[in-house]
C-alpha cells in the first residue's frame, strides 16, 4: 500500500489491511505523475511475455466485481438495521 499512495487516486482495501497499515505502515514519497517509469516497466513485462492489456482488463473486471460485492454487502447490512427501526415506527 505504501507504494500506491498518489494524488487524486482511490485505493479500496480490506479493513484488515487498512488497520494493519494504520498500525505499522508509512506513506513514503508519492507516485510520480511522470508515466515514463511505468511505461518502461510495462514494456519489460510485455517483452517477458506478459499480455499487459489483457492483464489490465482482467484486474479492472475483478476489481469492479469485488467492489460491487462489498457495496452490495454494505447496503444489505444497512437495510437489515433500518428495517426493524422502520417497522417500529
N, C-alpha and C. Protein backbone atom coordinates (compact mmCIF):
# COMPACT_ATOMS: atom_id res chain seq x y z
N UNK A 1 0.82 -1.19 0.00
CA UNK A 1 0.00 0.00 0.00
C UNK A 1 0.86 1.25 0.00
N UNK A 2 2.01 1.16 0.62
CA UNK A 2 2.87 2.33 0.70
C UNK A 2 3.24 2.84 -0.70
N UNK A 3 3.44 1.93 -1.64
CA UNK A 3 3.83 2.31 -2.99
C UNK A 3 2.68 2.76 -3.86
N UNK A 4 1.47 2.71 -3.34
CA UNK A 4 0.30 3.09 -4.15
C UNK A 4 -0.26 4.46 -3.79
N UNK A 5 0.35 5.14 -2.87
CA UNK A 5 -0.15 6.46 -2.47
C UNK A 5 0.17 7.47 -3.56
N UNK A 6 -0.85 8.12 -4.07
CA UNK A 6 -0.68 9.12 -5.12
C UNK A 6 -1.83 10.11 -5.07
N UNK A 7 -1.57 11.34 -5.49
CA UNK A 7 -2.66 12.33 -5.52
C UNK A 7 -3.77 11.91 -6.49
N UNK A 8 -4.99 12.25 -6.14
CA UNK A 8 -6.15 12.05 -7.00
C UNK A 8 -6.40 10.58 -7.32
N UNK A 9 -6.09 9.69 -6.40
CA UNK A 9 -6.36 8.27 -6.59
C UNK A 9 -7.20 7.75 -5.44
N UNK A 10 -7.84 6.63 -5.67
CA UNK A 10 -8.62 5.95 -4.65
C UNK A 10 -8.11 4.52 -4.59
N UNK A 11 -7.90 4.03 -3.38
CA UNK A 11 -7.46 2.65 -3.22
C UNK A 11 -8.40 1.98 -2.24
N UNK A 12 -9.19 1.05 -2.74
CA UNK A 12 -10.07 0.29 -1.87
C UNK A 12 -9.29 -0.91 -1.36
N UNK A 13 -9.40 -1.16 -0.07
CA UNK A 13 -8.67 -2.28 0.51
C UNK A 13 -9.50 -2.89 1.62
N UNK A 14 -9.24 -4.17 1.91
CA UNK A 14 -9.97 -4.80 3.02
C UNK A 14 -9.66 -4.08 4.33
N UNK A 15 -10.62 -4.11 5.24
CA UNK A 15 -10.46 -3.42 6.52
C UNK A 15 -9.23 -3.91 7.27
N UNK A 16 -8.97 -5.23 7.20
CA UNK A 16 -7.82 -5.78 7.91
C UNK A 16 -6.52 -5.15 7.40
N UNK A 17 -6.42 -4.95 6.09
CA UNK A 17 -5.22 -4.34 5.51
C UNK A 17 -5.11 -2.88 5.94
N UNK A 18 -6.22 -2.17 5.98
CA UNK A 18 -6.21 -0.78 6.40
C UNK A 18 -5.78 -0.65 7.86
N UNK A 19 -6.31 -1.52 8.72
CA UNK A 19 -5.94 -1.49 10.13
C UNK A 19 -4.45 -1.81 10.30
N UNK A 20 -3.99 -2.81 9.55
CA UNK A 20 -2.57 -3.17 9.62
C UNK A 20 -1.69 -2.02 9.17
N UNK A 21 -2.09 -1.36 8.07
CA UNK A 21 -1.32 -0.23 7.58
C UNK A 21 -1.32 0.91 8.59
N UNK A 22 -2.47 1.17 9.19
CA UNK A 22 -2.55 2.24 10.19
C UNK A 22 -1.67 1.93 11.39
N UNK A 23 -1.52 0.64 11.69
CA UNK A 23 -0.73 0.23 12.84
C UNK A 23 0.78 0.37 12.60
N UNK A 24 1.26 -0.06 11.43
CA UNK A 24 2.70 0.00 11.22
C UNK A 24 3.12 0.31 9.79
N UNK A 25 2.26 0.89 9.00
CA UNK A 25 2.64 1.32 7.66
C UNK A 25 3.09 2.77 7.67
N UNK A 26 3.81 3.14 6.64
CA UNK A 26 4.20 4.54 6.50
C UNK A 26 4.02 4.95 5.04
N UNK A 27 3.62 6.19 4.85
CA UNK A 27 3.48 6.71 3.50
C UNK A 27 4.79 7.39 3.14
N UNK A 28 5.42 6.91 2.10
CA UNK A 28 6.68 7.49 1.65
C UNK A 28 6.41 8.49 0.54
N UNK A 29 7.35 8.63 -0.36
CA UNK A 29 7.16 9.55 -1.48
C UNK A 29 5.97 9.11 -2.34
N UNK A 30 5.24 10.07 -2.84
CA UNK A 30 4.09 9.76 -3.69
C UNK A 30 4.55 9.28 -5.05
N UNK A 31 3.66 8.55 -5.72
CA UNK A 31 3.97 8.12 -7.08
C UNK A 31 4.21 9.33 -7.97
N UNK A 32 5.10 9.18 -8.89
CA UNK A 32 5.41 10.27 -9.80
C UNK A 32 4.31 10.45 -10.83
N UNK A 33 3.98 11.68 -11.19
CA UNK A 33 2.98 11.89 -12.25
C UNK A 33 3.57 11.59 -13.64
N UNK A 34 4.88 11.41 -13.72
CA UNK A 34 5.56 11.10 -14.99
C UNK A 34 5.32 9.63 -15.33
N UNK A 35 4.65 9.34 -16.45
CA UNK A 35 4.35 7.95 -16.80
C UNK A 35 5.54 7.16 -17.34
N UNK A 36 6.65 7.80 -17.63
CA UNK A 36 7.77 7.12 -18.27
C UNK A 36 8.27 5.90 -17.49
N UNK A 37 8.49 5.98 -16.17
CA UNK A 37 8.96 4.78 -15.47
C UNK A 37 7.97 3.62 -15.55
N UNK A 38 6.70 3.92 -15.43
CA UNK A 38 5.68 2.87 -15.51
C UNK A 38 5.61 2.30 -16.92
N UNK A 39 5.70 3.16 -17.92
CA UNK A 39 5.68 2.69 -19.30
C UNK A 39 6.84 1.75 -19.57
N UNK A 40 8.02 2.11 -19.03
CA UNK A 40 9.19 1.25 -19.21
C UNK A 40 9.02 -0.10 -18.55
N UNK A 41 8.45 -0.11 -17.36
CA UNK A 41 8.22 -1.36 -16.65
C UNK A 41 7.21 -2.22 -17.39
N UNK A 42 6.13 -1.60 -17.88
CA UNK A 42 5.14 -2.36 -18.65
C UNK A 42 5.74 -2.93 -19.92
N UNK A 43 6.63 -2.18 -20.55
CA UNK A 43 7.31 -2.68 -21.76
C UNK A 43 8.16 -3.90 -21.43
N UNK A 44 8.81 -3.87 -20.27
CA UNK A 44 9.62 -5.03 -19.85
C UNK A 44 8.73 -6.25 -19.59
N UNK A 45 7.58 -6.02 -18.98
CA UNK A 45 6.64 -7.12 -18.77
C UNK A 45 6.20 -7.72 -20.10
N UNK A 46 5.84 -6.85 -21.04
CA UNK A 46 5.40 -7.31 -22.36
C UNK A 46 6.51 -8.10 -23.05
N UNK A 47 7.75 -7.62 -22.95
CA UNK A 47 8.88 -8.32 -23.56
C UNK A 47 9.09 -9.69 -22.93
N UNK A 48 8.68 -9.84 -21.66
CA UNK A 48 8.82 -11.12 -20.97
C UNK A 48 7.64 -12.06 -21.25
N UNK A 49 6.70 -11.59 -22.08
CA UNK A 49 5.57 -12.45 -22.46
C UNK A 49 4.27 -12.19 -21.72
N UNK A 50 4.25 -11.20 -20.87
CA UNK A 50 3.01 -10.86 -20.15
C UNK A 50 2.09 -10.09 -21.09
N UNK A 51 0.86 -10.52 -21.19
CA UNK A 51 -0.12 -9.80 -22.00
C UNK A 51 -0.67 -8.66 -21.15
N UNK A 52 0.00 -7.53 -21.23
CA UNK A 52 -0.27 -6.40 -20.34
C UNK A 52 -1.71 -5.89 -20.48
N UNK A 53 -2.18 -5.74 -21.69
CA UNK A 53 -3.54 -5.23 -21.89
C UNK A 53 -4.58 -6.19 -21.31
N UNK A 54 -4.40 -7.48 -21.57
CA UNK A 54 -5.35 -8.49 -21.05
C UNK A 54 -5.29 -8.53 -19.53
N UNK A 55 -4.10 -8.44 -18.98
CA UNK A 55 -3.95 -8.44 -17.53
C UNK A 55 -4.62 -7.21 -16.92
N UNK A 56 -4.42 -6.06 -17.52
CA UNK A 56 -5.05 -4.84 -17.03
C UNK A 56 -6.56 -4.93 -17.06
N UNK A 57 -7.09 -5.47 -18.15
CA UNK A 57 -8.54 -5.63 -18.26
C UNK A 57 -9.06 -6.60 -17.20
N UNK A 58 -8.35 -7.70 -17.01
CA UNK A 58 -8.74 -8.69 -16.02
C UNK A 58 -8.75 -8.08 -14.61
N UNK A 59 -7.72 -7.31 -14.29
CA UNK A 59 -7.66 -6.67 -12.97
C UNK A 59 -8.80 -5.68 -12.78
N UNK A 60 -9.15 -4.95 -13.84
CA UNK A 60 -10.25 -3.99 -13.74
C UNK A 60 -11.58 -4.70 -13.53
N UNK A 61 -11.80 -5.78 -14.28
CA UNK A 61 -13.05 -6.53 -14.14
C UNK A 61 -13.16 -7.13 -12.75
N UNK A 62 -12.10 -7.81 -12.31
CA UNK A 62 -12.15 -8.44 -10.99
C UNK A 62 -12.24 -7.40 -9.88
N UNK A 63 -11.56 -6.28 -10.03
CA UNK A 63 -11.64 -5.22 -9.03
C UNK A 63 -13.05 -4.65 -8.95
N UNK A 64 -13.67 -4.44 -10.10
CA UNK A 64 -15.03 -3.93 -10.14
C UNK A 64 -16.00 -4.91 -9.49
N UNK A 65 -15.84 -6.19 -9.81
CA UNK A 65 -16.71 -7.22 -9.22
C UNK A 65 -16.55 -7.25 -7.70
N UNK A 66 -15.33 -7.18 -7.23
CA UNK A 66 -15.07 -7.21 -5.80
C UNK A 66 -15.65 -5.99 -5.10
N UNK A 67 -15.47 -4.82 -5.71
CA UNK A 67 -16.02 -3.60 -5.14
C UNK A 67 -17.54 -3.66 -5.10
N UNK A 68 -18.16 -4.14 -6.18
CA UNK A 68 -19.62 -4.24 -6.24
C UNK A 68 -20.14 -5.22 -5.19
N UNK A 69 -19.42 -6.31 -4.99
CA UNK A 69 -19.83 -7.29 -3.97
C UNK A 69 -19.79 -6.66 -2.58
N UNK A 70 -18.73 -5.93 -2.30
CA UNK A 70 -18.61 -5.25 -1.00
C UNK A 70 -19.70 -4.21 -0.84
N UNK A 71 -19.98 -3.48 -1.90
CA UNK A 71 -21.02 -2.44 -1.85
C UNK A 71 -22.38 -3.06 -1.55
N UNK A 72 -22.70 -4.16 -2.26
CA UNK A 72 -23.99 -4.83 -2.02
C UNK A 72 -24.08 -5.32 -0.58
N UNK A 73 -22.98 -5.86 -0.06
CA UNK A 73 -22.96 -6.34 1.33
C UNK A 73 -23.21 -5.18 2.30
N UNK A 74 -22.59 -4.05 2.04
CA UNK A 74 -22.80 -2.88 2.89
C UNK A 74 -24.26 -2.44 2.86
N UNK A 75 -24.84 -2.35 1.68
CA UNK A 75 -26.24 -1.94 1.53
C UNK A 75 -27.16 -2.93 2.25
N UNK A 76 -26.88 -4.23 2.12
CA UNK A 76 -27.71 -5.23 2.79
C UNK A 76 -27.63 -5.08 4.30
N UNK A 77 -26.46 -4.80 4.85
CA UNK A 77 -26.32 -4.61 6.29
C UNK A 77 -27.06 -3.37 6.76
N UNK A 78 -26.99 -2.31 5.97
CA UNK A 78 -27.72 -1.08 6.33
C UNK A 78 -29.22 -1.35 6.30
N UNK A 79 -29.69 -2.00 5.25
CA UNK A 79 -31.12 -2.31 5.15
C UNK A 79 -31.59 -3.18 6.31
N UNK A 80 -30.75 -4.14 6.72
CA UNK A 80 -31.11 -5.02 7.83
C UNK A 80 -31.25 -4.24 9.13
N UNK A 81 -30.48 -3.18 9.30
CA UNK A 81 -30.56 -2.38 10.51
C UNK A 81 -31.73 -1.37 10.45
N UNK A 82 -32.01 -0.88 9.25
CA UNK A 82 -33.07 0.11 9.09
C UNK A 82 -34.44 -0.53 9.16
N UNK A 83 -34.58 -1.72 8.63
CA UNK A 83 -35.89 -2.38 8.57
C UNK A 83 -36.57 -2.48 9.93
N UNK A 84 -35.90 -2.98 10.97
CA UNK A 84 -36.58 -3.03 12.28
C UNK A 84 -36.95 -1.66 12.83
N UNK A 85 -36.11 -0.68 12.57
CA UNK A 85 -36.42 0.68 13.05
C UNK A 85 -37.63 1.25 12.32
N UNK A 86 -37.73 0.96 11.02
CA UNK A 86 -38.87 1.45 10.25
C UNK A 86 -40.15 0.76 10.70
N UNK A 87 -40.04 -0.54 11.00
CA UNK A 87 -41.22 -1.29 11.46
C UNK A 87 -41.70 -0.80 12.84
N UNK A 88 -40.75 -0.37 13.65
CA UNK A 88 -41.08 0.11 14.99
C UNK A 88 -41.73 1.50 14.94
N UNK A 89 -41.52 2.16 13.77
CA UNK A 89 -42.17 3.44 13.55
C UNK A 89 -41.62 4.56 14.31
